[in-house]
Amino acid sequence: MKDRDLTSRGAENNLEGTAKDLKGKLKDAAGGLTGDTSLQAEGKLDQAKGKVQNALGDLQRNLDRKNQP
């Protein structure tokens, strides 16, 4: 089985990271509206994870571009 290149893995991480960030924003907002501080905290954590994953995707894509002839 052939490994996927860094660009495709990077794009996948960008997509998943953006989805996690959005999910976190929704949880944070829902927690704020209902007064559920636990849900808000969970949402903020999801947002942070999404931003890190998105940054990883950017890094993978940039590394792949630099390594191409």
C-alpha atoms as a PDB file:
ATOM      1  CA  MET A   1       0.000   0.000   0.000  1.00  0.00           C
ATOM      2  CA  LYS A   2       1.439   3.329  -1.048  1.00  0.00           C
ATOM      3  CA  ASP A   3       1.739   6.048   1.593  1.00  0.00           C
ATOM      4  CA  ARG A   4      -0.223   9.198   0.980  1.00  0.00           C
ATOM      5  CA  ASP A   5       1.910  12.255   0.370  1.00  0.00           C
ATOM      6  CA  LEU A   6       2.229  15.007   2.959  1.00  0.00           C
ATOM      7  CA  THR A   7      -0.080  17.294   1.011  1.00  0.00           C
ATOM      8  CA  SER A   8      -3.039  14.923   1.223  1.00  0.00           C
ATOM      9  CA  ARG A   9      -2.366  14.180   4.899  1.00  0.00           C
ATOM     10  CA  GLY A  10      -2.044  17.912   5.506  1.00  0.00           C
ATOM     11  CA  ALA A  11      -5.337  18.633   3.788  1.00  0.00           C
ATOM     12  CA  GLU A  12      -7.017  15.927   5.842  1.00  0.00           C
ATOM     13  CA  ASN A  13      -5.629  17.407   9.067  1.00  0.00           C
ATOM     14  CA  ASN A  14      -6.780  20.886   8.000  1.00  0.00           C
ATOM     15  CA  LEU A  15     -10.300  19.597   7.412  1.00  0.00           C
ATOM     16  CA  GLU A  16     -10.486  17.621  10.656  1.00  0.00           C
ATOM     17  CA  GLY A  17      -8.930  20.488  12.620  1.00  0.00           C
ATOM     18  CA  THR A  18     -11.450  22.967  11.258  1.00  0.00           C
ATOM     19  CA  ALA A  19     -14.296  20.591  12.151  1.00  0.00           C
ATOM     20  CA  LYS A  20     -12.991  20.191  15.728  1.00  0.00           C
ATOM     21  CA  ASP A  21     -12.639  23.952  16.082  1.00  0.00           C
ATOM     22  CA  LEU A  22     -16.211  24.504  14.875  1.00  0.00           C
ATOM     23  CA  LYS A  23     -17.556  21.784  17.176  1.00  0.00           C
ATOM     24  CA  GLY A  24     -15.709  23.424  20.058  1.00  0.00           C
ATOM     25  CA  LYS A  25     -17.172  26.843  19.255  1.00  0.00           C
ATOM     26  CA  LEU A  26     -20.660  25.351  19.270  1.00  0.00           C
ATOM     27  CA  LYS A  27     -20.075  23.631  22.624  1.00  0.00           C
ATOM     28  CA  ASP A  28     -18.586  26.808  24.092  1.00  0.00           C
ATOM     29  CA  ALA A  29     -21.581  28.861  22.944  1.00  0.00           C
ATOM     30  CA  ALA A  30     -24.096  26.269  24.160  1.00  0.00           C
ATOM     31  CA  GLY A  31     -22.361  26.112  27.520  1.00  0.00           C
ATOM     32  CA  GLY A  32     -22.444  29.898  27.774  1.00  0.00           C
ATOM     33  CA  LEU A  33     -26.150  30.046  26.978  1.00  0.00           C
ATOM     34  CA  THR A  34     -27.060  27.324  29.467  1.00  0.00           C
ATOM     35  CA  GLY A  35     -24.555  28.280  32.160  1.00  0.00           C
ATOM     36  CA  ASP A  36     -22.801  24.913  31.840  1.00  0.00           C
ATOM     37  CA  THR A  37     -19.164  25.791  32.582  1.00  0.00           C
ATOM     38  CA  SER A  38     -18.085  22.183  32.043  1.00  0.00           C
ATOM     39  CA  LEU A  39     -19.463  22.220  28.491  1.00  0.00           C
ATOM     40  CA  GLN A  40     -17.802  25.586  27.882  1.00  0.00           C
ATOM     41  CA  ALA A  41     -14.447  24.231  29.035  1.00  0.00           C
ATOM     42  CA  GLU A  42     -14.871  21.155  26.833  1.00  0.00           C
ATOM     43  CA  GLY A  43     -15.617  23.454  23.912  1.00  0.00           C
ATOM     44  CA  LYS A  44     -12.507  25.550  24.525  1.00  0.00           C
ATOM     45  CA  LEU A  45     -10.408  22.371  24.661  1.00  0.00           C
ATOM     46  CA  ASP A  46     -11.917  21.151  21.372  1.00  0.00           C
ATOM     47  CA  GLN A  47     -11.119  24.518  19.801  1.00  0.00           C
ATOM     48  CA  ALA A  48      -7.491  24.306  20.941  1.00  0.00           C
ATOM     49  CA  LYS A  49      -7.161  20.750  19.605  1.00  0.00           C
ATOM     50  CA  GLY A  50      -8.634  21.831  16.291  1.00  0.00           C
ATOM     51  CA  LYS A  51      -6.231  24.752  15.958  1.00  0.00           C
ATOM     52  CA  VAL A  52      -3.244  22.509  16.702  1.00  0.00           C
ATOM     53  CA  GLN A  53      -4.400  19.917  14.163  1.00  0.00           C
ATOM     54  CA  ASN A  54      -4.981  22.637  11.574  1.00  0.00           C
ATOM     55  CA  ALA A  55      -1.461  23.993  12.173  1.00  0.00           C
ATOM     56  CA  LEU A  56      -0.073  20.469  11.739  1.00  0.00           C
ATOM     57  CA  GLY A  57      -1.868  20.211   8.418  1.00  0.00           C
ATOM     58  CA  ASP A  58      -0.357  23.512   7.275  1.00  0.00           C
ATOM     59  CA  LEU A  59       3.097  22.308   8.283  1.00  0.00           C
ATOM     60  CA  GLN A  60       2.692  19.012   6.421  1.00  0.00           C
ATOM     61  CA  ARG A  61       1.539  20.768   3.276  1.00  0.00           C
ATOM     62  CA  ASN A  62       4.381  23.286   3.405  1.00  0.00           C
ATOM     63  CA  LEU A  63       6.981  20.559   3.971  1.00  0.00           C
ATOM     64  CA  ASP A  64       5.655  18.566   1.042  1.00  0.00           C
ATOM     65  CA  ARG A  65       5.802  21.609  -1.252  1.00  0.00           C
ATOM     66  CA  LYS A  66       9.425  22.261  -0.261  1.00  0.00           C
ATOM     67  CA  ASN A  67      10.390  18.634  -0.936  1.00  0.00           C
ATOM     68  CA  GLN A  68       8.889  18.527  -4.414  1.00  0.00           C
ATOM     69  CA  PRO A  69      11.278  19.029  -7.345  1.00  0.00           C
END
